[in-house]
Amino acid sequence: MSNDQESQIATNGLRYKSKEGGSPFKDSANMSSISCYKCGLHKPRSLGVFKTMINQRMFMCGDCISAKSAEGRAPSV
């Protein structure tokens, strides 16, 4: 590989100098976004619903709900 770099732990315990701290889901700590069980994307809680499946409440986003309801409809002629 052209970008081979060996990482070494510094005396202060850090390994990376340019890596940002924190999570890519910065505001997920307050549970404002949650991942959809069907598509796996993080969406705001207000844009989806919780479905009960196998005695567990699972979040389903609005995009997956509308796709699911479109599948169940009869084709228009």
C-alpha atoms as a PDB file:
ATOM      1  CA  MET A   1       0.000   0.000   0.000  1.00  0.00           C
ATOM      2  CA  SER A   2       1.163   3.514  -0.685  1.00  0.00           C
ATOM      3  CA  ASN A   3      -0.097   4.910   2.622  1.00  0.00           C
ATOM      4  CA  ASP A   4       1.498   2.455   5.051  1.00  0.00           C
ATOM      5  CA  GLN A   5       2.019   4.099   8.407  1.00  0.00           C
ATOM      6  CA  GLU A   6       2.847   2.427  11.648  1.00  0.00           C
ATOM      7  CA  SER A   7       1.001   3.765  14.622  1.00  0.00           C
ATOM      8  CA  GLN A   8       2.800   4.109  17.921  1.00  0.00           C
ATOM      9  CA  ILE A   9       1.335   4.902  21.289  1.00  0.00           C
ATOM     10  CA  ALA A  10       2.736   8.164  22.625  1.00  0.00           C
ATOM     11  CA  THR A  11       3.837   8.655  26.218  1.00  0.00           C
ATOM     12  CA  ASN A  12       0.539  10.384  27.024  1.00  0.00           C
ATOM     13  CA  GLY A  13      -1.391   7.286  25.895  1.00  0.00           C
ATOM     14  CA  LEU A  14      -2.677   8.643  22.588  1.00  0.00           C
ATOM     15  CA  ARG A  15      -2.169   6.861  19.299  1.00  0.00           C
ATOM     16  CA  TYR A  16      -3.616   9.309  16.764  1.00  0.00           C
ATOM     17  CA  LYS A  17      -2.695  12.942  16.303  1.00  0.00           C
ATOM     18  CA  SER A  18      -5.321  13.968  13.746  1.00  0.00           C
ATOM     19  CA  LYS A  19      -8.291  11.782  14.682  1.00  0.00           C
ATOM     20  CA  GLU A  20     -11.382  13.629  15.913  1.00  0.00           C
ATOM     21  CA  GLY A  21     -12.828  12.558  19.202  1.00  0.00           C
ATOM     22  CA  GLY A  22     -16.423  11.589  19.720  1.00  0.00           C
ATOM     23  CA  SER A  23     -19.011   9.649  17.822  1.00  0.00           C
ATOM     24  CA  PRO A  24     -20.152  10.127  14.221  1.00  0.00           C
ATOM     25  CA  PHE A  25     -23.669  10.286  15.695  1.00  0.00           C
ATOM     26  CA  LYS A  26     -22.969  13.362  17.778  1.00  0.00           C
ATOM     27  CA  ASP A  27     -26.509  13.979  18.973  1.00  0.00           C
ATOM     28  CA  SER A  28     -27.504  10.339  19.439  1.00  0.00           C
ATOM     29  CA  ALA A  29     -26.561  10.488  23.121  1.00  0.00           C
ATOM     30  CA  ASN A  30     -29.898  12.152  23.839  1.00  0.00           C
ATOM     31  CA  MET A  31     -31.675   9.552  21.668  1.00  0.00           C
ATOM     32  CA  SER A  32     -32.898  12.079  19.116  1.00  0.00           C
ATOM     33  CA  SER A  33     -31.935   9.695  16.310  1.00  0.00           C
ATOM     34  CA  ILE A  34     -32.164   5.933  16.167  1.00  0.00           C
ATOM     35  CA  SER A  35     -31.337   3.309  13.547  1.00  0.00           C
ATOM     36  CA  CYS A  36     -34.098   1.671  11.527  1.00  0.00           C
ATOM     37  CA  TYR A  37     -34.174  -2.104  11.858  1.00  0.00           C
ATOM     38  CA  LYS A  38     -35.008  -2.519   8.168  1.00  0.00           C
ATOM     39  CA  CYS A  39     -32.622  -0.158   6.329  1.00  0.00           C
ATOM     40  CA  GLY A  40     -30.106   0.460   9.140  1.00  0.00           C
ATOM     41  CA  LEU A  41     -29.927   4.227   8.594  1.00  0.00           C
ATOM     42  CA  HIS A  42     -30.095   6.656  11.509  1.00  0.00           C
ATOM     43  CA  LYS A  43     -33.254   8.738  11.366  1.00  0.00           C
ATOM     44  CA  PRO A  44     -34.941  11.135  13.833  1.00  0.00           C
ATOM     45  CA  ARG A  45     -37.355   9.381  16.171  1.00  0.00           C
ATOM     46  CA  SER A  46     -40.121  11.745  15.098  1.00  0.00           C
ATOM     47  CA  LEU A  47     -39.956  10.387  11.514  1.00  0.00           C
ATOM     48  CA  GLY A  48     -40.792   6.798  12.355  1.00  0.00           C
ATOM     49  CA  VAL A  49     -42.755   4.392  14.522  1.00  0.00           C
ATOM     50  CA  PHE A  50     -42.038   1.476  16.815  1.00  0.00           C
ATOM     51  CA  LYS A  51     -43.306  -1.926  15.699  1.00  0.00           C
ATOM     52  CA  THR A  52     -43.560  -4.923  18.016  1.00  0.00           C
ATOM     53  CA  MET A  53     -41.773  -7.915  16.542  1.00  0.00           C
ATOM     54  CA  ILE A  54     -41.001 -11.079  18.497  1.00  0.00           C
ATOM     55  CA  ASN A  55     -41.855  -9.335  21.773  1.00  0.00           C
ATOM     56  CA  GLN A  56     -39.430  -6.451  21.084  1.00  0.00           C
ATOM     57  CA  ARG A  57     -40.189  -2.892  20.093  1.00  0.00           C
ATOM     58  CA  MET A  58     -38.239  -2.141  16.896  1.00  0.00           C
ATOM     59  CA  PHE A  59     -37.943   1.294  15.248  1.00  0.00           C
ATOM     60  CA  MET A  60     -38.988   1.589  11.597  1.00  0.00           C
ATOM     61  CA  CYS A  61     -38.349   4.843   9.720  1.00  0.00           C
ATOM     62  CA  GLY A  62     -40.990   6.582   7.631  1.00  0.00           C
ATOM     63  CA  ASP A  63     -39.245   5.722   4.348  1.00  0.00           C
ATOM     64  CA  CYS A  64     -39.445   1.991   5.083  1.00  0.00           C
ATOM     65  CA  ILE A  65     -43.062   2.288   6.229  1.00  0.00           C
ATOM     66  CA  SER A  66     -44.091   3.983   2.983  1.00  0.00           C
ATOM     67  CA  ALA A  67     -42.158   1.402   0.922  1.00  0.00           C
ATOM     68  CA  LYS A  68     -43.819  -1.414   2.849  1.00  0.00           C
ATOM     69  CA  SER A  69     -47.298   0.047   2.359  1.00  0.00           C
ATOM     70  CA  ALA A  70     -46.591   0.549  -1.362  1.00  0.00           C
ATOM     71  CA  GLU A  71     -45.673  -3.138  -1.684  1.00  0.00           C
ATOM     72  CA  GLY A  72     -48.980  -4.206  -0.162  1.00  0.00           C
ATOM     73  CA  ARG A  73     -51.107  -2.156  -2.553  1.00  0.00           C
ATOM     74  CA  ALA A  74     -52.611  -3.669  -5.657  1.00  0.00           C
ATOM     75  CA  PRO A  75     -51.126  -2.304  -8.881  1.00  0.00           C
ATOM     76  CA  SER A  76     -53.274   0.367 -10.487  1.00  0.00           C
ATOM     77  CA  VAL A  77     -54.476  -0.312 -14.014  1.00  0.00           C
END
